């Protein structure tokens, strides 16, 4: 079974630009959607990856909101 290495992906996400994060999140979501109905393993993998990248994006947005107060 293919599983996401959460720590490895999170470390990679920290180094990505915000634009790259957004692109990668959308790419993962499209890959998950394309896998629906015929490859649940890939669907779950890409949903999980998108979640890790989205968590980093939300963390940055939260930090930026606090910094602008």
Protein backbone atom coordinates (compact mmCIF):
# COMPACT_ATOMS: atom_id res chain seq x y z
CA UNK A 1 0.00 0.00 0.00
CA UNK A 2 1.28 3.44 -0.93
CA UNK A 3 1.37 5.84 2.02
CA UNK A 4 2.48 9.42 2.50
CA UNK A 5 5.54 10.05 4.65
CA UNK A 6 3.96 13.00 6.49
CA UNK A 7 7.21 14.31 7.99
CA UNK A 8 9.08 14.18 4.69
CA UNK A 9 6.30 15.97 2.80
CA UNK A 10 5.94 18.57 5.59
CA UNK A 11 9.68 19.31 5.46
CA UNK A 12 9.47 19.70 1.69
CA UNK A 13 6.44 22.00 2.04
CA UNK A 14 8.29 24.35 4.39
CA UNK A 15 10.90 24.98 1.67
CA UNK A 16 8.38 25.67 -1.11
CA UNK A 17 7.26 29.13 -2.20
CA UNK A 18 3.64 30.03 -1.56
CA UNK A 19 2.97 29.90 -5.30
CA UNK A 20 4.48 26.41 -5.49
CA UNK A 21 2.37 25.27 -2.56
CA UNK A 22 -0.82 26.49 -4.21
CA UNK A 23 0.11 24.83 -7.50
CA UNK A 24 1.02 21.55 -5.77
CA UNK A 25 -2.18 21.50 -3.69
CA UNK A 26 -4.27 21.95 -6.83
CA UNK A 27 -2.22 19.32 -8.68
CA UNK A 28 -2.69 16.80 -5.85
CA UNK A 29 -6.43 17.49 -5.73
CA UNK A 30 -6.73 16.97 -9.48
CA UNK A 31 -4.76 13.72 -9.26
CA UNK A 32 -7.01 12.50 -6.44
CA UNK A 33 -10.12 13.43 -8.41
CA UNK A 34 -8.81 11.63 -11.50
CA UNK A 35 -8.25 8.48 -9.40
CA UNK A 36 -11.74 8.42 -7.91
CA UNK A 37 -13.73 5.35 -8.75
CA UNK A 38 -10.88 3.25 -10.09
CA UNK A 39 -7.80 3.68 -7.87
CA UNK A 40 -8.70 4.41 -4.24
CA UNK A 41 -5.09 3.94 -3.12
CA UNK A 42 -3.86 6.78 -5.34
CA UNK A 43 -6.88 8.89 -4.45
CA UNK A 44 -6.07 8.62 -0.76
CA UNK A 45 -2.37 9.23 -1.32
CA UNK A 46 -2.94 12.47 -3.23
CA UNK A 47 -5.66 13.63 -0.82
CA UNK A 48 -3.20 13.11 2.04
CA UNK A 49 -0.42 14.96 0.23
CA UNK A 50 -2.75 17.87 -0.53
CA UNK A 51 -3.67 17.99 3.15
CA UNK A 52 -0.03 18.29 4.26
CA UNK A 53 0.67 21.07 1.76
CA UNK A 54 -2.55 22.88 2.66
CA UNK A 55 -1.61 22.73 6.35
CA UNK A 56 1.66 24.54 5.58
CA UNK A 57 -0.20 27.13 3.50
CA UNK A 58 -2.68 27.76 6.36
CA UNK A 59 0.21 28.05 8.83
CA UNK A 60 1.79 30.75 6.67
CA UNK A 61 -1.49 32.59 6.23
CA UNK A 62 -2.03 32.54 10.00
CA UNK A 63 1.49 33.83 10.65
CA UNK A 64 1.01 36.61 8.11
CA UNK A 65 -2.32 37.61 9.66
CA UNK A 66 -0.78 37.80 13.13
CA UNK A 67 2.25 39.72 11.85
CA UNK A 68 0.06 42.37 10.21
CA UNK A 69 -1.81 43.20 13.43
